[in-house]
C-alpha atoms as a PDB file:
ATOM      1  CA  UNK A   1    -158.672-266.356  84.418  1.00  0.00           C
ATOM      2  CA  UNK A   2    -159.848-263.061  81.800  1.00  0.00           C
ATOM      3  CA  UNK A   3    -158.455-262.444  78.570  1.00  0.00           C
ATOM      4  CA  UNK A   4    -158.851-259.267  77.083  1.00  0.00           C
ATOM      5  CA  UNK A   5    -158.892-257.689  72.763  1.00  0.00           C
ATOM      6  CA  UNK A   6    -158.872-254.082  72.281  1.00  0.00           C
ATOM      7  CA  UNK A   7    -159.353-252.054  69.082  1.00  0.00           C
ATOM      8  CA  UNK A   8    -159.836-248.246  68.658  1.00  0.00           C
ATOM      9  CA  UNK A   9    -161.194-246.974  65.695  1.00  0.00           C
ATOM     10  CA  UNK A  10    -160.110-242.865  66.044  1.00  0.00           C
ATOM     11  CA  UNK A  11    -162.309-242.214  62.831  1.00  0.00           C
ATOM     12  CA  UNK A  12    -165.706-243.280  64.206  1.00  0.00           C
ATOM     13  CA  UNK A  13    -164.816-242.456  68.336  1.00  0.00           C
ATOM     14  CA  UNK A  14    -165.934-246.072  68.877  1.00  0.00           C
ATOM     15  CA  UNK A  15    -164.132-248.473  71.124  1.00  0.00           C
ATOM     16  CA  UNK A  16    -164.348-251.804  70.920  1.00  0.00           C
ATOM     17  CA  UNK A  17    -163.119-254.927  72.989  1.00  0.00           C
ATOM     18  CA  UNK A  18    -164.021-258.347  73.680  1.00  0.00           C
ATOM     19  CA  UNK A  19    -163.998-259.481  77.253  1.00  0.00           C
ATOM     20  CA  UNK A  20    -163.232-263.372  77.748  1.00  0.00           C
ATOM     21  CA  UNK A  21    -163.655-265.047  81.349  1.00  0.00           C
ATOM     22  CA  UNK A  22    -164.296-268.493  82.571  1.00  0.00           C
ATOM     23  CA  UNK A  23    -165.231-266.871  86.456  1.00  0.00           C
ATOM     24  CA  UNK A  24    -169.015-265.603  86.904  1.00  0.00           C
ATOM     25  CA  UNK A  25    -167.503-262.252  88.968  1.00  0.00           C
ATOM     26  CA  UNK A  26    -165.327-260.759  86.477  1.00  0.00           C
ATOM     27  CA  UNK A  27    -167.988-261.335  84.172  1.00  0.00           C
ATOM     28  CA  UNK A  28    -170.057-259.132  86.489  1.00  0.00           C
ATOM     29  CA  UNK A  29    -167.559-256.696  85.834  1.00  0.00           C
ATOM     30  CA  UNK A  30    -167.498-256.750  82.206  1.00  0.00           C
ATOM     31  CA  UNK A  31    -170.096-253.933  81.065  1.00  0.00           C
ATOM     32  CA  UNK A  32    -169.203-250.770  82.120  1.00  0.00           C
ATOM     33  CA  UNK A  33    -170.460-248.372  84.601  1.00  0.00           C
ATOM     34  CA  UNK A  34    -172.880-251.230  85.230  1.00  0.00           C
ATOM     35  CA  UNK A  35    -173.134-252.399  89.122  1.00  0.00           C
ATOM     36  CA  UNK A  36    -173.930-256.088  88.842  1.00  0.00           C
ATOM     37  CA  UNK A  37    -173.608-259.312  90.879  1.00  0.00           C
ATOM     38  CA  UNK A  38    -173.740-262.855  89.157  1.00  0.00           C
ATOM     39  CA  UNK A  39    -174.940-265.749  90.960  1.00  0.00           C
ATOM     40  CA  UNK A  40    -174.412-268.968  88.587  1.00  0.00           C
ATOM     41  CA  UNK A  41    -177.574-271.461  88.976  1.00  0.00           C
ATOM     42  CA  UNK A  42    -176.842-274.013  86.773  1.00  0.00           C
ATOM     43  CA  UNK A  43    -173.893-276.802  87.241  1.00  0.00           C
ATOM     44  CA  UNK A  44    -170.612-276.845  85.144  1.00  0.00           C
ATOM     45  CA  UNK A  45    -168.035-274.566  84.233  1.00  0.00           C
ATOM     46  CA  UNK A  46    -168.507-271.159  83.479  1.00  0.00           C
ATOM     47  CA  UNK A  47    -167.317-269.802  80.309  1.00  0.00           C
ATOM     48  CA  UNK A  48    -168.406-266.155  78.792  1.00  0.00           C
ATOM     49  CA  UNK A  49    -167.761-263.291  76.309  1.00  0.00           C
ATOM     50  CA  UNK A  50    -168.871-259.584  76.339  1.00  0.00           C
ATOM     51  CA  UNK A  51    -167.748-258.126  72.676  1.00  0.00           C
ATOM     52  CA  UNK A  52    -168.457-254.354  73.167  1.00  0.00           C
ATOM     53  CA  UNK A  53    -168.153-250.817  70.922  1.00  0.00           C
ATOM     54  CA  UNK A  54    -168.421-247.978  73.256  1.00  0.00           C
ATOM     55  CA  UNK A  55    -168.354-244.063  73.047  1.00  0.00           C
ATOM     56  CA  UNK A  56    -169.270-241.180  75.255  1.00  0.00           C
ATOM     57  CA  UNK A  57    -173.353-241.445  74.383  1.00  0.00           C
ATOM     58  CA  UNK A  58    -174.113-245.148  73.728  1.00  0.00           C
ATOM     59  CA  UNK A  59    -172.864-248.495  74.553  1.00  0.00           C
ATOM     60  CA  UNK A  60    -173.230-251.109  72.488  1.00  0.00           C
ATOM     61  CA  UNK A  61    -172.436-254.832  73.658  1.00  0.00           C
ATOM     62  CA  UNK A  62    -172.634-258.822  72.849  1.00  0.00           C
ATOM     63  CA  UNK A  63    -173.103-261.393  75.903  1.00  0.00           C
ATOM     64  CA  UNK A  64    -172.568-264.893  75.674  1.00  0.00           C
ATOM     65  CA  UNK A  65    -172.656-266.921  79.121  1.00  0.00           C
ATOM     66  CA  UNK A  66    -172.168-270.925  78.846  1.00  0.00           C
ATOM     67  CA  UNK A  67    -174.162-271.552  82.896  1.00  0.00           C
ATOM     68  CA  UNK A  68    -177.850-270.677  83.900  1.00  0.00           C
ATOM     69  CA  UNK A  69    -177.285-267.222  85.808  1.00  0.00           C
ATOM     70  CA  UNK A  70    -178.863-265.080  88.126  1.00  0.00           C
ATOM     71  CA  UNK A  71    -177.986-260.276  87.336  1.00  0.00           C
ATOM     72  CA  UNK A  72    -178.923-257.993  89.958  1.00  0.00           C
ATOM     73  CA  UNK A  73    -178.171-255.342  87.849  1.00  0.00           C
ATOM     74  CA  UNK A  74    -178.121-251.402  87.528  1.00  0.00           C
ATOM     75  CA  UNK A  75    -176.885-249.260  85.559  1.00  0.00           C
ATOM     76  CA  UNK A  76    -175.675-245.542  86.016  1.00  0.00           C
ATOM     77  CA  UNK A  77    -177.770-242.188  86.066  1.00  0.00           C
ATOM     78  CA  UNK A  78    -178.984-240.592  82.992  1.00  0.00           C
ATOM     79  CA  UNK A  79    -179.077-244.144  80.693  1.00  0.00           C
ATOM     80  CA  UNK A  80    -182.127-246.464  79.433  1.00  0.00           C
ATOM     81  CA  UNK A  81    -180.355-250.143  78.397  1.00  0.00           C
ATOM     82  CA  UNK A  82    -182.341-252.050  75.502  1.00  0.00           C
ATOM     83  CA  UNK A  83    -182.029-255.851  75.795  1.00  0.00           C
ATOM     84  CA  UNK A  84    -182.163-257.793  72.484  1.00  0.00           C
ATOM     85  CA  UNK A  85    -181.974-261.786  73.326  1.00  0.00           C
ATOM     86  CA  UNK A  86    -181.073-263.705  70.506  1.00  0.00           C
ATOM     87  CA  UNK A  87    -183.392-266.168  68.918  1.00  0.00           C
ATOM     88  CA  UNK A  88    -184.443-269.348  69.403  1.00  0.00           C
ATOM     89  CA  UNK A  89    -183.125-269.797  72.829  1.00  0.00           C
ATOM     90  CA  UNK A  90    -184.807-270.767  76.084  1.00  0.00           C
ATOM     91  CA  UNK A  91    -186.716-268.841  78.408  1.00  0.00           C
ATOM     92  CA  UNK A  92    -185.153-265.441  80.299  1.00  0.00           C
ATOM     93  CA  UNK A  93    -186.989-262.707  82.942  1.00  0.00           C
ATOM     94  CA  UNK A  94    -186.696-259.593  84.142  1.00  0.00           C
ATOM     95  CA  UNK A  95    -187.850-258.615  87.362  1.00  0.00           C
ATOM     96  CA  UNK A  96    -190.186-261.510  87.525  1.00  0.00           C
ATOM     97  CA  UNK A  97    -191.433-260.575  84.477  1.00  0.00           C
ATOM     98  CA  UNK A  98    -191.241-263.724  80.842  1.00  0.00           C
ATOM     99  CA  UNK A  99    -189.108-261.897  78.559  1.00  0.00           C
ATOM    100  CA  UNK A 100    -191.384-263.508  75.481  1.00  0.00           C
ATOM    101  CA  UNK A 101    -190.006-264.112  71.786  1.00  0.00           C
ATOM    102  CA  UNK A 102    -189.649-260.527  69.631  1.00  0.00           C
ATOM    103  CA  UNK A 103    -189.673-258.535  72.754  1.00  0.00           C
ATOM    104  CA  UNK A 104    -187.266-256.008  73.553  1.00  0.00           C
ATOM    105  CA  UNK A 105    -185.934-255.981  77.064  1.00  0.00           C
ATOM    106  CA  UNK A 106    -185.879-251.986  78.929  1.00  0.00           C
ATOM    107  CA  UNK A 107    -184.455-250.520  82.106  1.00  0.00           C
ATOM    108  CA  UNK A 108    -184.137-247.120  83.167  1.00  0.00           C
ATOM    109  CA  UNK A 109    -180.489-246.404  85.418  1.00  0.00           C
ATOM    110  CA  UNK A 110    -180.048-245.474  88.655  1.00  0.00           C
ATOM    111  CA  UNK A 111    -182.507-248.424  89.512  1.00  0.00           C
ATOM    112  CA  UNK A 112    -182.029-252.133  90.214  1.00  0.00           C
ATOM    113  CA  UNK A 113    -183.296-255.063  87.897  1.00  0.00           C
ATOM    114  CA  UNK A 114    -182.996-258.642  88.380  1.00  0.00           C
ATOM    115  CA  UNK A 115    -182.815-261.159  85.180  1.00  0.00           C
ATOM    116  CA  UNK A 116    -182.928-265.115  85.264  1.00  0.00           C
ATOM    117  CA  UNK A 117    -181.110-265.848  82.095  1.00  0.00           C
ATOM    118  CA  UNK A 118    -180.791-269.526  80.947  1.00  0.00           C
ATOM    119  CA  UNK A 119    -177.556-271.770  79.411  1.00  0.00           C
ATOM    120  CA  UNK A 120    -176.076-271.485  76.066  1.00  0.00           C
ATOM    121  CA  UNK A 121    -177.498-267.160  76.590  1.00  0.00           C
ATOM    122  CA  UNK A 122    -176.259-264.393  74.007  1.00  0.00           C
ATOM    123  CA  UNK A 123    -177.993-261.337  74.344  1.00  0.00           C
ATOM    124  CA  UNK A 124    -177.799-257.836  72.467  1.00  0.00           C
ATOM    125  CA  UNK A 125    -177.202-254.701  74.698  1.00  0.00           C
ATOM    126  CA  UNK A 126    -177.882-251.271  73.837  1.00  0.00           C
ATOM    127  CA  UNK A 127    -176.991-248.967  76.104  1.00  0.00           C
ATOM    128  CA  UNK A 128    -178.220-245.582  75.126  1.00  0.00           C
ATOM    129  CA  UNK A 129    -177.889-241.990  76.842  1.00  0.00           C
ATOM    130  CA  UNK A 130    -181.184-240.409  77.971  1.00  0.00           C
ATOM    131  CA  UNK A 131    -181.168-237.122  76.287  1.00  0.00           C
ATOM    132  CA  UNK A 132    -179.894-238.479  73.499  1.00  0.00           C
ATOM    133  CA  UNK A 133    -182.535-240.998  72.900  1.00  0.00           C
ATOM    134  CA  UNK A 134    -185.010-238.347  73.755  1.00  0.00           C
ATOM    135  CA  UNK A 135    -183.398-235.327  71.908  1.00  0.00           C
ATOM    136  CA  UNK A 136    -184.096-237.659  68.960  1.00  0.00           C
ATOM    137  CA  UNK A 137    -187.225-239.188  69.361  1.00  0.00           C
ATOM    138  CA  UNK A 138    -188.326-235.156  69.981  1.00  0.00           C
ATOM    139  CA  UNK A 139    -186.893-234.261  66.172  1.00  0.00           C
ATOM    140  CA  UNK A 140    -189.441-236.947  64.745  1.00  0.00           C
ATOM    141  CA  UNK A 141    -192.626-235.888  67.318  1.00  0.00           C
ATOM    142  CA  UNK A 142    -192.001-238.944  69.597  1.00  0.00           C
ATOM    143  CA  UNK A 143    -193.373-238.509  73.285  1.00  0.00           C
ATOM    144  CA  UNK A 144    -191.040-240.704  74.936  1.00  0.00           C
ATOM    145  CA  UNK A 145    -192.537-240.265  78.628  1.00  0.00           C
ATOM    146  CA  UNK A 146    -195.618-241.503  77.364  1.00  0.00           C
ATOM    147  CA  UNK A 147    -193.677-244.711  75.511  1.00  0.00           C
ATOM    148  CA  UNK A 148    -193.276-248.033  77.440  1.00  0.00           C
ATOM    149  CA  UNK A 149    -189.754-247.709  77.989  1.00  0.00           C
ATOM    150  CA  UNK A 150    -191.101-245.464  81.452  1.00  0.00           C
ATOM    151  CA  UNK A 151    -193.846-248.030  82.159  1.00  0.00           C
ATOM    152  CA  UNK A 152    -193.165-251.240  81.252  1.00  0.00           C
ATOM    153  CA  UNK A 153    -190.062-253.419  81.230  1.00  0.00           C
ATOM    154  CA  UNK A 154    -190.564-254.505  77.925  1.00  0.00           C
ATOM    155  CA  UNK A 155    -192.318-254.045  74.607  1.00  0.00           C
ATOM    156  CA  UNK A 156    -193.077-256.449  71.433  1.00  0.00           C
ATOM    157  CA  UNK A 157    -192.175-255.769  68.305  1.00  0.00           C
ATOM    158  CA  UNK A 158    -192.711-257.279  64.967  1.00  0.00           C
ATOM    159  CA  UNK A 159    -190.326-260.312  63.928  1.00  0.00           C
ATOM    160  CA  UNK A 160    -189.135-258.409  61.197  1.00  0.00           C
ATOM    161  CA  UNK A 161    -188.248-255.172  63.751  1.00  0.00           C
ATOM    162  CA  UNK A 162    -186.235-257.945  65.328  1.00  0.00           C
ATOM    163  CA  UNK A 163    -184.246-259.165  62.371  1.00  0.00           C
ATOM    164  CA  UNK A 164    -183.813-255.679  61.276  1.00  0.00           C
ATOM    165  CA  UNK A 165    -182.555-254.628  65.011  1.00  0.00           C
ATOM    166  CA  UNK A 166    -180.155-258.000  65.358  1.00  0.00           C
ATOM    167  CA  UNK A 167    -178.761-257.186  61.644  1.00  0.00           C
ATOM    168  CA  UNK A 168    -178.150-253.691  62.571  1.00  0.00           C
ATOM    169  CA  UNK A 169    -176.551-254.555  65.561  1.00  0.00           C
ATOM    170  CA  UNK A 170    -174.287-257.645  64.558  1.00  0.00           C
ATOM    171  CA  UNK A 171    -172.533-254.886  61.486  1.00  0.00           C
ATOM    172  CA  UNK A 172    -171.833-252.407  64.350  1.00  0.00           C
ATOM    173  CA  UNK A 173    -169.922-255.341  66.763  1.00  0.00           C
ATOM    174  CA  UNK A 174    -168.136-256.276  62.799  1.00  0.00           C
ATOM    175  CA  UNK A 175    -166.703-252.783  62.588  1.00  0.00           C
ATOM    176  CA  UNK A 176    -165.981-253.110  59.070  1.00  0.00           C
ATOM    177  CA  UNK A 177    -162.399-250.520  58.878  1.00  0.00           C
ATOM    178  CA  UNK A 178    -163.509-250.435  55.015  1.00  0.00           C
ATOM    179  CA  UNK A 179    -166.336-248.215  55.625  1.00  0.00           C
ATOM    180  CA  UNK A 180    -166.172-246.261  58.652  1.00  0.00           C
ATOM    181  CA  UNK A 181    -169.251-244.322  59.547  1.00  0.00           C
ATOM    182  CA  UNK A 182    -169.331-242.103  62.142  1.00  0.00           C
ATOM    183  CA  UNK A 183    -170.623-242.457  65.852  1.00  0.00           C
ATOM    184  CA  UNK A 184    -173.965-240.093  65.392  1.00  0.00           C
ATOM    185  CA  UNK A 185    -174.490-241.562  62.135  1.00  0.00           C
ATOM    186  CA  UNK A 186    -174.497-245.251  63.748  1.00  0.00           C
ATOM    187  CA  UNK A 187    -176.123-243.375  66.908  1.00  0.00           C
ATOM    188  CA  UNK A 188    -179.561-241.617  64.933  1.00  0.00           C
ATOM    189  CA  UNK A 189    -179.545-245.352  63.246  1.00  0.00           C
ATOM    190  CA  UNK A 190    -179.807-247.221  66.321  1.00  0.00           C
ATOM    191  CA  UNK A 191    -182.386-244.403  67.887  1.00  0.00           C
ATOM    192  CA  UNK A 192    -184.637-244.558  64.609  1.00  0.00           C
ATOM    193  CA  UNK A 193    -184.790-248.154  64.553  1.00  0.00           C
ATOM    194  CA  UNK A 194    -186.224-248.401  68.399  1.00  0.00           C
ATOM    195  CA  UNK A 195    -188.402-245.613  67.997  1.00  0.00           C
ATOM    196  CA  UNK A 196    -189.775-247.229  64.843  1.00  0.00           C
ATOM    197  CA  UNK A 197    -190.047-250.176  67.086  1.00  0.00           C
ATOM    198  CA  UNK A 198    -192.256-248.500  69.729  1.00  0.00           C
ATOM    199  CA  UNK A 199    -196.666-248.922  69.145  1.00  0.00           C
ATOM    200  CA  UNK A 200    -197.943-246.602  66.475  1.00  0.00           C
ATOM    201  CA  UNK A 201    -199.855-244.004  68.509  1.00  0.00           C
ATOM    202  CA  UNK A 202    -196.485-242.435  69.685  1.00  0.00           C
ATOM    203  CA  UNK A 203    -195.956-241.467  66.205  1.00  0.00           C
ATOM    204  CA  UNK A 204    -197.158-237.726  66.833  1.00  0.00           C
ATOM    205  CA  UNK A 205    -198.874-235.739  68.674  1.00  0.00           C
ATOM    206  CA  UNK A 206    -199.880-232.640  65.806  1.00  0.00           C
ATOM    207  CA  UNK A 207    -203.551-233.864  63.939  1.00  0.00           C
ATOM    208  CA  UNK A 208    -203.485-230.770  61.759  1.00  0.00           C
ATOM    209  CA  UNK A 209    -203.008-231.501  57.943  1.00  0.00           C
ATOM    210  CA  UNK A 210    -200.456-229.550  56.377  1.00  0.00           C
ATOM    211  CA  UNK A 211    -201.503-227.907  52.788  1.00  0.00           C
ATOM    212  CA  UNK A 212    -200.367-228.751  49.674  1.00  0.00           C
ATOM    213  CA  UNK A 213    -197.898-225.990  49.549  1.00  0.00           C
ATOM    214  CA  UNK A 214    -196.311-227.285  52.686  1.00  0.00           C
ATOM    215  CA  UNK A 215    -195.584-231.041  51.944  1.00  0.00           C
ATOM    216  CA  UNK A 216    -194.443-230.241  48.145  1.00  0.00           C
ATOM    217  CA  UNK A 217    -191.647-228.151  50.312  1.00  0.00           C
ATOM    218  CA  UNK A 218    -190.750-230.482  52.448  1.00  0.00           C
ATOM    219  CA  UNK A 219    -190.089-232.772  49.581  1.00  0.00           C
ATOM    220  CA  UNK A 220    -188.408-230.457  47.610  1.00  0.00           C
ATOM    221  CA  UNK A 221    -186.265-229.677  50.448  1.00  0.00           C
ATOM    222  CA  UNK A 222    -184.997-233.495  50.875  1.00  0.00           C
ATOM    223  CA  UNK A 223    -185.023-234.160  47.617  1.00  0.00           C
ATOM    224  CA  UNK A 224    -182.236-231.025  46.978  1.00  0.00           C
ATOM    225  CA  UNK A 225    -180.644-231.953  49.889  1.00  0.00           C
ATOM    226  CA  UNK A 226    -180.054-235.496  49.071  1.00  0.00           C
ATOM    227  CA  UNK A 227    -178.625-234.583  45.936  1.00  0.00           C
ATOM    228  CA  UNK A 228    -175.966-232.088  47.181  1.00  0.00           C
ATOM    229  CA  UNK A 229    -175.107-234.934  49.701  1.00  0.00           C
ATOM    230  CA  UNK A 230    -175.144-238.031  47.408  1.00  0.00           C
ATOM    231  CA  UNK A 231    -171.169-238.176  47.593  1.00  0.00           C
ATOM    232  CA  UNK A 232    -171.515-238.122  50.953  1.00  0.00           C
ATOM    233  CA  UNK A 233    -172.168-240.731  54.122  1.00  0.00           C
ATOM    234  CA  UNK A 234    -175.916-242.444  54.641  1.00  0.00           C
ATOM    235  CA  UNK A 235    -178.737-240.060  55.116  1.00  0.00           C
ATOM    236  CA  UNK A 236    -180.910-241.144  58.469  1.00  0.00           C
ATOM    237  CA  UNK A 237    -185.241-239.936  59.426  1.00  0.00           C
ATOM    238  CA  UNK A 238    -184.033-237.951  61.683  1.00  0.00           C
ATOM    239  CA  UNK A 239    -181.365-235.418  59.928  1.00  0.00           C
ATOM    240  CA  UNK A 240    -184.038-235.401  57.229  1.00  0.00           C
ATOM    241  CA  UNK A 241    -186.777-234.206  59.547  1.00  0.00           C
ATOM    242  CA  UNK A 242    -184.298-231.472  60.567  1.00  0.00           C
ATOM    243  CA  UNK A 243    -183.522-230.195  56.772  1.00  0.00           C
ATOM    244  CA  UNK A 244    -187.272-229.878  56.365  1.00  0.00           C
ATOM    245  CA  UNK A 245    -187.791-228.552  59.952  1.00  0.00           C
ATOM    246  CA  UNK A 246    -190.435-231.141  60.424  1.00  0.00           C
ATOM    247  CA  UNK A 247    -191.614-233.551  62.787  1.00  0.00           C
ATOM    248  CA  UNK A 248    -191.395-237.781  61.454  1.00  0.00           C
ATOM    249  CA  UNK A 249    -195.346-237.292  60.904  1.00  0.00           C
ATOM    250  CA  UNK A 250    -195.487-234.271  58.714  1.00  0.00           C
ATOM    251  CA  UNK A 251    -192.670-235.629  56.830  1.00  0.00           C
ATOM    252  CA  UNK A 252    -194.513-239.704  57.148  1.00  0.00           C
ATOM    253  CA  UNK A 253    -197.601-237.499  55.414  1.00  0.00           C
ATOM    254  CA  UNK A 254    -195.784-235.108  53.135  1.00  0.00           C
ATOM    255  CA  UNK A 255    -194.249-237.612  50.904  1.00  0.00           C
ATOM    256  CA  UNK A 256    -197.121-239.926  51.131  1.00  0.00           C
ATOM    257  CA  UNK A 257    -199.382-237.488  49.244  1.00  0.00           C
ATOM    258  CA  UNK A 258    -196.824-235.887  46.780  1.00  0.00           C
ATOM    259  CA  UNK A 259    -194.312-238.899  45.612  1.00  0.00           C
ATOM    260  CA  UNK A 260    -197.082-241.697  46.603  1.00  0.00           C
ATOM    261  CA  UNK A 261    -194.009-243.434  49.252  1.00  0.00           C
ATOM    262  CA  UNK A 262    -193.093-242.774  52.479  1.00  0.00           C
ATOM    263  CA  UNK A 263    -189.437-241.308  53.425  1.00  0.00           C
ATOM    264  CA  UNK A 264    -188.591-244.691  54.729  1.00  0.00           C
ATOM    265  CA  UNK A 265    -188.834-246.171  50.833  1.00  0.00           C
ATOM    266  CA  UNK A 266    -187.807-243.180  48.886  1.00  0.00           C
ATOM    267  CA  UNK A 267    -184.621-242.910  50.788  1.00  0.00           C
ATOM    268  CA  UNK A 268    -184.467-246.682  50.586  1.00  0.00           C
ATOM    269  CA  UNK A 269    -184.405-246.170  46.405  1.00  0.00           C
ATOM    270  CA  UNK A 270    -181.643-243.442  46.811  1.00  0.00           C
ATOM    271  CA  UNK A 271    -179.336-245.436  48.777  1.00  0.00           C
ATOM    272  CA  UNK A 272    -180.056-248.423  46.983  1.00  0.00           C
ATOM    273  CA  UNK A 273    -178.961-246.240  44.195  1.00  0.00           C
ATOM    274  CA  UNK A 274    -175.497-245.514  45.902  1.00  0.00           C
ATOM    275  CA  UNK A 275    -175.225-248.888  46.401  1.00  0.00           C
ATOM    276  CA  UNK A 276    -175.208-250.344  42.443  1.00  0.00           C
ATOM    277  CA  UNK A 277    -172.899-247.149  41.741  1.00  0.00           C
ATOM    278  CA  UNK A 278    -170.536-247.935  44.077  1.00  0.00           C
ATOM    279  CA  UNK A 279    -170.461-251.726  43.176  1.00  0.00           C
ATOM    280  CA  UNK A 280    -169.582-250.308  40.034  1.00  0.00           C
ATOM    281  CA  UNK A 281    -166.541-248.226  40.510  1.00  0.00           C
ATOM    282  CA  UNK A 282    -165.345-250.472  43.813  1.00  0.00           C
ATOM    283  CA  UNK A 283    -161.963-252.015  43.943  1.00  0.00           C
ATOM    284  CA  UNK A 284    -161.366-255.135  44.790  1.00  0.00           C
ATOM    285  CA  UNK A 285    -160.352-254.924  48.018  1.00  0.00           C
ATOM    286  CA  UNK A 286    -164.677-253.803  48.386  1.00  0.00           C
ATOM    287  CA  UNK A 287    -166.811-256.457  49.207  1.00  0.00           C
ATOM    288  CA  UNK A 288    -170.499-256.251  48.749  1.00  0.00           C
ATOM    289  CA  UNK A 289    -171.207-256.431  51.938  1.00  0.00           C
ATOM    290  CA  UNK A 290    -169.329-253.955  53.113  1.00  0.00           C
ATOM    291  CA  UNK A 291    -170.461-251.194  51.032  1.00  0.00           C
ATOM    292  CA  UNK A 292    -174.310-252.171  51.435  1.00  0.00           C
ATOM    293  CA  UNK A 293    -173.180-252.024  55.131  1.00  0.00           C
ATOM    294  CA  UNK A 294    -171.851-248.327  54.811  1.00  0.00           C
ATOM    295  CA  UNK A 295    -174.989-247.005  53.218  1.00  0.00           C
ATOM    296  CA  UNK A 296    -177.320-248.806  56.039  1.00  0.00           C
ATOM    297  CA  UNK A 297    -178.521-252.083  54.192  1.00  0.00           C
ATOM    298  CA  UNK A 298    -177.434-254.848  57.638  1.00  0.00           C
ATOM    299  CA  UNK A 299    -179.753-257.249  56.380  1.00  0.00           C
ATOM    300  CA  UNK A 300    -177.831-259.485  53.768  1.00  0.00           C
ATOM    301  CA  UNK A 301    -180.973-261.003  52.837  1.00  0.00           C
ATOM    302  CA  UNK A 302    -183.319-257.968  52.285  1.00  0.00           C
ATOM    303  CA  UNK A 303    -180.735-256.082  50.778  1.00  0.00           C
ATOM    304  CA  UNK A 304    -180.074-258.493  47.946  1.00  0.00           C
ATOM    305  CA  UNK A 305    -183.988-258.697  47.632  1.00  0.00           C
ATOM    306  CA  UNK A 306    -184.541-254.938  47.798  1.00  0.00           C
ATOM    307  CA  UNK A 307    -181.890-254.798  45.145  1.00  0.00           C
ATOM    308  CA  UNK A 308    -183.217-257.254  42.803  1.00  0.00           C
ATOM    309  CA  UNK A 309    -186.565-255.919  42.491  1.00  0.00           C
ATOM    310  CA  UNK A 310    -185.349-252.751  41.833  1.00  0.00           C
ATOM    311  CA  UNK A 311    -182.534-253.366  39.194  1.00  0.00           C
ATOM    312  CA  UNK A 312    -183.554-256.951  37.913  1.00  0.00           C
ATOM    313  CA  UNK A 313    -180.165-258.258  38.754  1.00  0.00           C
ATOM    314  CA  UNK A 314    -178.808-259.321  41.844  1.00  0.00           C
ATOM    315  CA  UNK A 315    -175.617-256.927  43.685  1.00  0.00           C
ATOM    316  CA  UNK A 316    -172.933-260.256  42.168  1.00  0.00           C
ATOM    317  CA  UNK A 317    -174.565-259.495  38.677  1.00  0.00           C
ATOM    318  CA  UNK A 318    -173.829-256.003  39.019  1.00  0.00           C
ATOM    319  CA  UNK A 319    -170.451-256.173  39.899  1.00  0.00           C
ATOM    320  CA  UNK A 320    -169.924-258.616  37.809  1.00  0.00           C
ATOM    321  CA  UNK A 321    -170.755-256.945  34.562  1.00  0.00           C
ATOM    322  CA  UNK A 322    -169.038-253.999  35.309  1.00  0.00           C
ATOM    323  CA  UNK A 323    -165.975-255.768  36.668  1.00  0.00           C
ATOM    324  CA  UNK A 324    -165.012-258.155  34.210  1.00  0.00           C
END
């Protein structure tokens, strides 16, 4: 038996679907454009659930399976899969290799691979078109051909990066209708988070040091753009690279030497200020979490900590002061 719920958000061009099943073959068929065969290897009745959001260029899913499984998998060509198991679970394996804690599993399309997953297993999956991933990576001067994506089945990330990725994916799966973020913005956030998790030596290819005039011009262009679009949708690092006509490494160096902070920190500070303005003007049906996620803050605990550190009060205290 299979239960399917569909929800389409036309503004974001992302279609959400929830599939629940008690049959492993139905579970194997729950992922669009995958070729999969599941075999149950632990005793008991099976239950599986797949929550997925799909567009033309990116598929995001959260899969739960109650029993231990052996999975033969293959995704379509010109695609790359990233698997992020939930934390504090029993061991899983990809092609016989243990998927360690704080590790992202990955595999390119059009090639078979094997997964062995334990009982009561949950995993986030992200499938990106290879051309989209490479396009965003090139704008940030990251050489994906030299990255672990094409050389191994997994790569280690820091606990903080793991939490960020999972918080980001959780917010995407919630699909808040109060603050709709476009497919392009979500795609950019997601790819940037994955690229940030790659080894630092892949961050760029040029060792030339830009002049002071060039670095100042880079920062000024970014600041001018942020001022112009301050009431618009969130801005991503890839977008800043495009605006300033520089690589991610040059953008980083320019901000650190001109403003004394990274572009990420500068952007986070600007977004926190946008959140504060939105909280002051919020309507009754707008929650703090909705406003925060709209401006790119997916991890509630880290957002509250950053907000209080910057403004000396919590988001709820700001809301209370302006909406008594």
